[in-house]
Amino acid sequence: MAHGRILVVDDEDSIREYLAMMLEREGYEVQSAADGKKAVKLSSKESFDAVITDIQLPGMTGIDLLGAFRESDPTVPIIIVTGHASQESAIEALNLGAFYYLLKPVSNEELKQVVRNALEMQRLREEKVDLERAVHVGTERDMIGESEGMHSVFNLIARVAKTASTVLLRGESGTGKELVARAIHVASSRANERFVSINCGALPETLLESELFGHVKGSFTGAIRDKRGLFVVADGGTFFLDEVSETSLAIQVKLLRVLQEREVVPVGGTKPTKVNVRIIAATNADLEECVKDKRFRPDLYYRLNVIPIVIPPLRDRRDDISLLVSHFIEKLTGGEKTVSDDAMTILTSYEWPGNVRELENIIERAVILSDEPEITGESLNVSIFPERLRKQTLSGVSTDDLGVSGITLDELERRYLLQTLNEMGWKKKQAAEILGINPSTLYRKLQRYGMEEQVED
């Protein structure tokens, strides 16, 4: 049986009734109107998948009605059926965006085929919109890692992918939570269905609610037509809720309903829609603390935390850094650049607060800004690296090197300055850049410690 909502507009009762009866036998839901004004009024209250209209109508012609629909709902296909055809009216209708122009008498099979084509075009258009906002499998980067922590993650992915259980991914920002979610989807029985994701912290509450659950026409200012929510878009597939801790308590109630009842109710609607979707949530927040602070519902937390997976930060899997660097260089240059030993030492000694995402950004900048075939430690200079990385690694200074036991802060600073200057060949400007201070500030400190005469420009 066919599906779709169709509006039939004709001033002759017998024709309206006949078309409605024929289309309903095909499985369509049909509404009818005797003139253009009634049709416009109906469309303001309900949405239709196609409209069939005569040209000769009282008060408002079919061409006028076509123009009115193009303003209110430019995507709905309009089928013109008329016994008073002219070349001019046909051209005008098609120029205004009519889907098809039929002359009476029309055979039942011809009209049925045109309706099927119109609804198929509408379905493809909606699917295209869905695909543009849905995140699909196949474009994601590979997950890289041979460390013990990542092997544990890989094992969990393989085990949970075979189930339909809800998964909660925990980890710092930049650790690759979405990559893990995608990997679970790819390894699951839902791999051929959609993978849809949304960052819950990136949208205001009202917009997030509409994106998640959809809305009905007229439910708020700007809701000019019904809209499917992402839960419905993801039906049959996987829905990744990133930064779920950022949702409001009101939205958490609706998320709980999806998890418990497997149904969604659009904003402004009353009729629930059943959905079959696997939910993977992620957060970099401490959800237990959020529950204690009453910022996150405990019942939702327990529903999400069925299978927790903790993704280790990059600083806890330093053995993977060289693999990741090679992967990013291959992706960016096709293997045309290499990384020197001293550069790799710098990269593996850094704490990486931004995790894998920060590492990728650093490598991309180094590839773009370095003209040499090899990225060296010198290449990772002040124009490439964040200040905190320069301070931590390029100076080579550690508290162990300085020997801090039993000395004052002034003496510690003097030793720090001295070691940095030695490593920079006593070049004041370079040393100031490494220290993250102005040259004039460095000069005053050198004067204070009686070291200014040793500095060479």
Foldseek 3Di string as FASTA:
>chain_A
DDEWEEEEEAQDPVVQVVVCVLVVVVVYHYDYYNALVVVLVVCQAAPGQEYEYEQDGPPAGPLRSLLSCCVLPVLRAYEYEYQDDDPVVVVSSVVSPHQYYHYPPDDSVVVVVSVVVSNVVSVVVVVVVLVVQFDAPDPDDDDFADDPLVVVLVVLLLVCLADLAFEEEEEAAQLCPVVSVSSSQCNHPLNVATEGEDEQQPDDQVVSLCQAFWAAAPLDPPRSHTDHHVQQSRFSGEYEYEAPLNHAPVVLVQVLCCLPVQWGAHRVGDDIDHGHYRYYYYHHDDVVVCVVVVRHPPSSVVRNHPDYRYRYFCLVRLVRLVVLLQSLCCVVPVNQAEEDPQRSVLVSVDNPSNGSVVSSQLSVQLVVPDPDRYRYPVSCALVRDDLVSLQPRVLPDDCVVQVPPPDDPLSSVVSSLVSSCVSVVLAQCRSCSSNVHDSVVVCVSCVVVVNNVVHDD
